[in-house]
N, C-alpha and C. Protein backbone atom coordinates (compact mmCIF):
# COMPACT_ATOMS: atom_id res chain seq x y z
N MET A 1 32.89 -54.03 -8.27
CA MET A 1 33.66 -52.89 -8.12
C MET A 1 33.41 -51.84 -9.03
N GLN A 2 33.48 -52.28 -10.05
CA GLN A 2 33.46 -51.31 -11.47
C GLN A 2 32.26 -50.62 -11.19
N LYS A 3 31.20 -51.42 -10.76
CA LYS A 3 29.68 -50.70 -10.88
C LYS A 3 29.69 -49.74 -9.72
N SER A 4 30.19 -49.90 -8.50
CA SER A 4 30.28 -49.02 -7.49
C SER A 4 31.09 -47.63 -8.21
N ARG A 5 32.20 -47.99 -8.46
CA ARG A 5 32.93 -46.57 -8.76
C ARG A 5 32.17 -45.80 -10.04
N ASP A 6 31.54 -46.55 -10.94
CA ASP A 6 30.73 -45.87 -11.80
C ASP A 6 29.62 -45.06 -11.23
N LEU A 7 28.97 -45.51 -10.15
CA LEU A 7 28.01 -44.65 -9.55
C LEU A 7 28.32 -43.57 -8.56
N SER A 8 29.72 -43.90 -8.13
CA SER A 8 30.03 -42.71 -7.36
C SER A 8 30.57 -41.60 -8.40
N ASP A 9 31.17 -42.10 -9.67
CA ASP A 9 31.71 -40.95 -10.50
C ASP A 9 30.32 -40.33 -10.76
N ALA A 10 29.23 -40.78 -11.16
CA ALA A 10 27.90 -40.41 -11.58
C ALA A 10 27.48 -39.34 -10.51
N SER A 11 27.73 -39.90 -9.20
CA SER A 11 26.94 -38.87 -8.42
C SER A 11 27.86 -37.71 -8.05
N GLU A 12 29.29 -37.97 -8.33
CA GLU A 12 30.03 -36.73 -8.19
C GLU A 12 30.03 -35.69 -9.23
N MET A 13 29.30 -36.26 -10.57
CA MET A 13 29.25 -35.22 -11.74
C MET A 13 28.03 -34.68 -11.61
N VAL A 14 26.96 -35.11 -10.90
CA VAL A 14 25.39 -34.76 -10.76
C VAL A 14 25.59 -33.43 -9.82
N ALA A 15 26.43 -33.60 -9.01
CA ALA A 15 26.49 -32.33 -7.90
C ALA A 15 26.83 -31.12 -8.49
N PRO A 16 27.88 -31.09 -9.06
CA PRO A 16 28.05 -29.77 -9.71
C PRO A 16 27.01 -29.50 -10.91
N LEU A 17 26.63 -30.10 -11.52
CA LEU A 17 25.48 -29.67 -12.28
C LEU A 17 24.22 -29.18 -11.93
N ILE A 18 23.87 -29.92 -10.71
CA ILE A 18 22.69 -29.24 -9.77
C ILE A 18 23.12 -27.96 -9.39
N ALA A 19 24.32 -27.82 -8.87
CA ALA A 19 24.85 -26.37 -8.44
C ALA A 19 24.91 -25.24 -9.53
N GLY A 20 25.22 -25.72 -10.79
CA GLY A 20 25.42 -24.61 -11.66
C GLY A 20 23.77 -24.45 -12.26
N LEU A 21 23.12 -25.31 -12.00
CA LEU A 21 21.62 -25.08 -12.53
C LEU A 21 21.04 -24.12 -11.37
N ALA A 22 21.30 -24.23 -10.40
CA ALA A 22 20.76 -23.43 -9.08
C ALA A 22 21.59 -21.95 -9.27
N VAL A 23 22.80 -21.92 -9.73
CA VAL A 23 23.17 -20.46 -9.95
C VAL A 23 22.52 -19.93 -11.21
N ALA A 24 22.40 -20.40 -12.06
CA ALA A 24 21.62 -19.96 -13.18
C ALA A 24 20.46 -19.69 -13.07
N ALA A 25 19.76 -20.42 -12.22
CA ALA A 25 18.24 -19.89 -11.88
C ALA A 25 18.02 -18.66 -11.16
N ALA A 26 19.02 -18.54 -10.17
CA ALA A 26 19.34 -17.51 -9.37
C ALA A 26 19.74 -16.13 -10.09
N ALA A 27 20.55 -16.18 -11.13
CA ALA A 27 20.86 -15.19 -11.85
C ALA A 27 19.65 -14.86 -12.72
N TYR A 28 18.82 -15.72 -13.45
CA TYR A 28 17.96 -15.02 -14.04
C TYR A 28 16.90 -14.53 -13.24
N ALA A 29 16.70 -15.00 -11.94
CA ALA A 29 15.46 -14.68 -11.18
C ALA A 29 16.20 -13.15 -10.82
N GLY A 30 17.25 -13.11 -10.01
CA GLY A 30 17.85 -11.56 -9.86
C GLY A 30 17.75 -10.78 -10.96
N ARG A 31 17.86 -11.14 -12.22
CA ARG A 31 17.74 -10.20 -13.57
C ARG A 31 16.04 -9.72 -13.70
N TYR A 32 15.16 -10.84 -13.47
CA TYR A 32 13.94 -10.50 -13.88
C TYR A 32 13.40 -9.67 -12.34
N SER A 33 14.17 -9.59 -11.49
CA SER A 33 13.81 -8.96 -10.22
C SER A 33 14.10 -7.54 -10.48
N VAL A 34 15.25 -7.36 -10.72
CA VAL A 34 15.94 -5.86 -11.19
C VAL A 34 15.00 -5.26 -12.35
N GLN A 35 14.83 -6.01 -13.38
CA GLN A 35 13.85 -5.69 -14.29
C GLN A 35 12.11 -4.95 -13.90
N ALA A 36 11.83 -5.81 -13.02
CA ALA A 36 10.63 -5.65 -12.48
C ALA A 36 10.79 -4.36 -11.72
N TRP A 37 11.71 -4.31 -10.93
CA TRP A 37 11.63 -3.04 -9.73
C TRP A 37 11.89 -1.73 -10.74
N GLN A 38 12.47 -2.02 -11.62
CA GLN A 38 13.01 -0.82 -12.66
C GLN A 38 11.60 -0.43 -13.21
N ALA A 39 10.98 -1.22 -13.56
CA ALA A 39 9.41 -1.03 -14.29
C ALA A 39 8.63 -0.50 -13.44
N PHE A 40 8.71 -0.85 -12.12
CA PHE A 40 7.67 -0.16 -11.18
C PHE A 40 8.43 1.26 -10.71
N LYS A 41 9.32 1.22 -10.67
CA LYS A 41 9.86 2.63 -10.44
C LYS A 41 9.50 3.59 -11.63
N ALA A 42 9.43 3.36 -12.87
CA ALA A 42 9.40 4.25 -14.06
C ALA A 42 7.58 4.30 -14.34
N ARG A 43 6.99 3.74 -13.65
CA ARG A 43 5.50 3.66 -13.77
C ARG A 43 5.06 5.40 -13.42
N PRO A 44 4.45 5.68 -14.35
CA PRO A 44 3.73 7.28 -14.10
C PRO A 44 3.11 7.52 -12.67
N PRO A 45 3.39 8.42 -11.69
CA PRO A 45 2.79 8.45 -10.66
C PRO A 45 1.55 8.64 -10.38
N THR A 46 0.79 9.14 -11.64
CA THR A 46 -0.81 9.43 -11.42
C THR A 46 -1.61 8.40 -10.74
N ALA A 47 -1.19 6.88 -10.64
CA ALA A 47 -1.99 6.13 -9.86
C ALA A 47 -2.26 6.69 -8.43
N ARG A 48 -1.23 6.96 -7.83
CA ARG A 48 -1.15 7.40 -6.50
C ARG A 48 -1.51 8.82 -6.12
N ILE A 49 -1.61 9.84 -7.09
CA ILE A 49 -2.15 10.91 -6.86
C ILE A 49 -3.68 11.38 -7.20
N ARG A 50 -4.17 12.15 -6.50
CA ARG A 50 -5.49 12.16 -6.73
C ARG A 50 -5.72 13.13 -8.06
N ARG A 51 -6.40 12.66 -8.87
CA ARG A 51 -6.62 13.50 -10.10
C ARG A 51 -7.64 14.80 -9.83
N PHE A 52 -7.74 15.79 -10.17
CA PHE A 52 -8.41 16.61 -10.22
C PHE A 52 -9.26 17.10 -11.51
N TYR A 53 -10.20 18.18 -11.43
CA TYR A 53 -10.92 18.26 -12.64
C TYR A 53 -10.26 18.98 -13.49
N GLU A 54 -9.98 18.76 -14.65
CA GLU A 54 -8.90 19.33 -15.78
C GLU A 54 -9.50 20.38 -16.67
N GLY A 55 -10.85 20.77 -16.71
CA GLY A 55 -11.63 21.38 -17.60
C GLY A 55 -11.66 22.84 -16.98
N GLY A 56 -12.49 23.77 -18.15
CA GLY A 56 -12.81 24.84 -17.92
C GLY A 56 -14.03 24.81 -17.14
N PHE A 57 -14.51 25.83 -16.82
CA PHE A 57 -15.85 26.14 -16.21
C PHE A 57 -16.92 26.23 -17.28
N GLN A 58 -18.07 25.77 -16.86
CA GLN A 58 -19.19 26.01 -17.77
C GLN A 58 -19.83 27.34 -17.91
N PRO A 59 -20.31 27.86 -19.01
CA PRO A 59 -20.73 29.03 -18.66
C PRO A 59 -21.86 29.50 -17.54
N ILE A 60 -22.74 28.43 -17.50
CA ILE A 60 -23.60 28.18 -16.17
C ILE A 60 -23.46 27.00 -15.33
N MET A 61 -23.11 27.37 -14.08
CA MET A 61 -22.67 26.25 -13.45
C MET A 61 -23.56 25.03 -12.97
N THR A 62 -23.31 23.95 -13.23
CA THR A 62 -24.19 22.78 -12.89
C THR A 62 -23.81 22.33 -11.65
N LYS A 63 -24.76 21.35 -11.23
CA LYS A 63 -24.64 20.60 -9.86
C LYS A 63 -23.50 19.65 -9.94
N ARG A 64 -23.17 18.92 -11.19
CA ARG A 64 -22.20 18.09 -11.52
C ARG A 64 -20.84 19.10 -11.43
N GLU A 65 -20.80 20.18 -11.93
CA GLU A 65 -19.43 20.96 -12.17
C GLU A 65 -18.99 21.44 -10.47
N ALA A 66 -20.29 21.92 -10.00
CA ALA A 66 -20.29 22.09 -8.42
C ALA A 66 -19.45 21.20 -7.56
N ALA A 67 -19.99 19.97 -7.77
CA ALA A 67 -19.43 18.94 -7.03
C ALA A 67 -18.05 18.68 -7.16
N LEU A 68 -17.74 18.93 -8.63
CA LEU A 68 -15.96 18.44 -9.02
C LEU A 68 -15.28 19.55 -8.54
N ILE A 69 -15.86 20.79 -8.50
CA ILE A 69 -15.08 21.89 -7.98
C ILE A 69 -14.70 21.63 -6.51
N LEU A 70 -15.79 21.28 -5.51
CA LEU A 70 -15.68 21.13 -4.20
C LEU A 70 -14.91 19.78 -4.08
N GLY A 71 -14.77 18.61 -4.88
CA GLY A 71 -14.30 17.28 -4.80
C GLY A 71 -15.21 16.55 -3.95
N VAL A 72 -16.52 16.83 -3.84
CA VAL A 72 -17.61 16.20 -3.08
C VAL A 72 -18.61 15.13 -4.51
N ARG A 73 -19.43 14.28 -3.78
CA ARG A 73 -20.29 13.73 -4.63
C ARG A 73 -21.68 14.71 -4.82
N GLU A 74 -22.41 14.48 -5.80
CA GLU A 74 -23.76 15.42 -5.92
C GLU A 74 -24.52 15.22 -4.82
N SER A 75 -24.60 13.66 -4.09
CA SER A 75 -25.66 13.50 -3.03
C SER A 75 -24.89 14.01 -1.76
N THR A 76 -23.96 14.57 -1.43
CA THR A 76 -23.25 14.75 -0.32
C THR A 76 -24.08 15.80 0.71
N PRO A 77 -24.11 15.06 1.93
CA PRO A 77 -24.68 16.34 3.05
C PRO A 77 -24.32 17.58 3.04
N ALA A 78 -25.01 18.56 3.41
CA ALA A 78 -24.83 19.75 3.75
C ALA A 78 -23.60 20.20 4.42
N GLU A 79 -23.56 19.31 5.57
CA GLU A 79 -22.28 19.37 6.57
C GLU A 79 -21.05 19.18 5.85
N LYS A 80 -20.94 17.99 4.96
CA LYS A 80 -19.78 17.80 4.29
C LYS A 80 -19.59 18.87 3.05
N ILE A 81 -20.61 19.59 2.68
CA ILE A 81 -20.21 20.19 1.67
C ILE A 81 -19.41 21.61 2.30
N ARG A 82 -19.81 22.05 3.40
CA ARG A 82 -19.50 23.07 3.94
C ARG A 82 -17.74 22.81 4.45
N GLU A 83 -17.66 21.54 4.86
CA GLU A 83 -16.21 21.32 5.22
C GLU A 83 -15.45 21.21 3.97
N ALA A 84 -16.03 20.63 2.84
CA ALA A 84 -15.13 20.74 1.72
C ALA A 84 -15.04 22.08 0.93
N HIS A 85 -16.05 22.87 1.05
CA HIS A 85 -15.78 24.34 0.64
C HIS A 85 -14.74 25.25 1.32
N ARG A 86 -14.77 24.76 2.81
CA ARG A 86 -13.58 25.10 3.69
C ARG A 86 -12.46 24.98 3.37
N ARG A 87 -12.06 23.71 3.14
CA ARG A 87 -10.86 23.00 2.79
C ARG A 87 -10.50 23.83 1.51
N VAL A 88 -11.25 23.65 0.25
CA VAL A 88 -11.06 24.22 -1.01
C VAL A 88 -10.74 25.85 -0.91
N MET A 89 -11.69 26.53 -0.10
CA MET A 89 -11.26 27.91 0.23
C MET A 89 -9.93 28.32 0.70
N VAL A 90 -9.67 27.79 1.72
CA VAL A 90 -8.48 27.97 2.44
C VAL A 90 -7.21 28.07 1.63
N ALA A 91 -7.19 26.87 0.77
CA ALA A 91 -6.20 26.50 -0.27
C ALA A 91 -6.30 27.51 -1.52
N ASN A 92 -7.45 28.40 -1.63
CA ASN A 92 -7.60 29.19 -2.98
C ASN A 92 -8.08 30.90 -2.33
N HIS A 93 -7.90 31.02 -1.19
CA HIS A 93 -8.45 32.23 -0.64
C HIS A 93 -7.67 33.62 -1.10
N PRO A 94 -8.17 34.54 -1.89
CA PRO A 94 -7.29 36.00 -2.30
C PRO A 94 -6.51 36.39 -1.20
N ASP A 95 -6.72 36.25 -0.11
CA ASP A 95 -5.95 36.82 0.87
C ASP A 95 -4.81 36.10 1.20
N ALA A 96 -4.71 34.52 0.62
CA ALA A 96 -3.48 33.98 0.82
C ALA A 96 -2.84 33.54 -0.61
N GLY A 97 -3.05 34.33 -1.42
CA GLY A 97 -2.64 34.46 -2.79
C GLY A 97 -3.24 33.75 -3.83
N GLY A 98 -4.56 33.28 -3.53
CA GLY A 98 -5.25 32.78 -4.50
C GLY A 98 -6.05 33.70 -5.19
N SER A 99 -6.67 33.23 -6.22
CA SER A 99 -7.37 34.14 -7.30
C SER A 99 -8.76 34.29 -6.96
N HIS A 100 -9.30 35.67 -7.11
CA HIS A 100 -10.52 36.08 -6.99
C HIS A 100 -11.37 35.43 -7.78
N TYR A 101 -11.02 35.12 -9.08
CA TYR A 101 -11.94 34.31 -9.86
C TYR A 101 -12.45 33.02 -9.23
N LEU A 102 -11.20 32.21 -9.01
CA LEU A 102 -11.39 31.08 -8.23
C LEU A 102 -12.37 30.89 -6.97
N ALA A 103 -12.01 32.03 -6.03
CA ALA A 103 -12.68 31.86 -4.84
C ALA A 103 -14.36 32.24 -5.07
N SER A 104 -14.53 33.07 -6.35
CA SER A 104 -15.84 33.13 -6.69
C SER A 104 -16.58 32.22 -7.11
N LYS A 105 -16.03 31.11 -7.94
CA LYS A 105 -16.25 30.19 -8.44
C LYS A 105 -16.52 29.02 -7.22
N ILE A 106 -15.89 28.90 -6.45
CA ILE A 106 -15.78 28.15 -5.04
C ILE A 106 -16.79 28.22 -4.48
N ASN A 107 -17.11 29.54 -4.13
CA ASN A 107 -18.66 30.02 -3.40
C ASN A 107 -19.82 29.90 -4.25
N GLU A 108 -19.40 29.98 -5.50
CA GLU A 108 -20.72 29.53 -6.68
C GLU A 108 -21.07 28.14 -6.15
N ALA A 109 -20.08 27.23 -6.16
CA ALA A 109 -20.14 25.87 -6.14
C ALA A 109 -20.77 25.47 -5.01
N LYS A 110 -20.44 26.11 -3.71
CA LYS A 110 -21.00 25.90 -2.32
C LYS A 110 -22.53 25.93 -2.59
N ASP A 111 -22.90 27.46 -2.87
CA ASP A 111 -24.31 27.96 -3.19
C ASP A 111 -25.13 26.94 -3.95
N MET A 112 -24.51 26.44 -5.19
CA MET A 112 -25.29 25.52 -6.21
C MET A 112 -25.71 24.28 -5.50
N MET A 113 -24.50 23.54 -4.84
CA MET A 113 -24.65 22.42 -3.92
C MET A 113 -25.49 22.46 -2.94
N LEU A 114 -25.66 23.74 -2.01
CA LEU A 114 -26.46 23.93 -1.05
C LEU A 114 -27.95 24.34 -1.45
N GLY A 115 -28.18 24.42 -2.48
CA GLY A 115 -29.58 24.91 -2.99
C GLY A 115 -29.76 26.55 -3.10
N LYS A 116 -28.76 27.13 -2.86
CA LYS A 116 -28.90 28.67 -2.65
C LYS A 116 -28.45 29.42 -4.10
N ALA A 117 -28.48 28.67 -5.11
CA ALA A 117 -28.04 29.19 -6.29
C ALA A 117 -28.56 30.37 -6.67
N LYS A 118 -28.19 31.24 -7.22
CA LYS A 118 -28.62 32.78 -7.56
C LYS A 118 -28.97 32.53 -9.35
N GLY A 119 -29.47 33.41 -9.86
CA GLY A 119 -29.96 33.36 -11.29
C GLY A 119 -28.77 32.94 -12.16
N GLY A 120 -27.65 33.41 -11.96
CA GLY A 120 -26.65 33.15 -13.09
C GLY A 120 -25.37 32.61 -12.52
N SER A 121 -24.29 33.22 -13.02
CA SER A 121 -23.01 32.78 -12.74
C SER A 121 -22.31 33.77 -11.84
N SER A 122 -21.11 33.46 -11.69
CA SER A 122 -20.33 34.67 -10.63
C SER A 122 -20.14 35.74 -11.26
N ALA A 123 -19.50 36.58 -10.43
CA ALA A 123 -19.32 38.04 -10.80
C ALA A 123 -18.37 38.25 -11.71
N PHE A 124 -17.74 37.30 -12.20
CA PHE A 124 -16.68 37.31 -13.10
C PHE A 124 -17.15 36.86 -14.58
């Protein structure tokens, strides 16, 4: 009888211990989750935002620079170049508050990519 009482006492002691360990594990998991979420929210948003060319213009435009201005690859077909030119020009047209200088560089980039490049650089 003594033995069965000891076993029941032991099982009564184990249940609260397991419950306590479960609560502690849940607390640590919750703490880790909150820290991970805060680190996720605090990361710089550059991973989601498309990066644009951050340099100045070359004295004489190259095909690489023209492709960067239009946001296309150097091997892009002519139709895609025209679409990209239109999209960039709509955003930077002088009549819509854009710069004449940028508009001339965008047009020069289109001409360069289509093989219509004139002898030099833009009018500016």
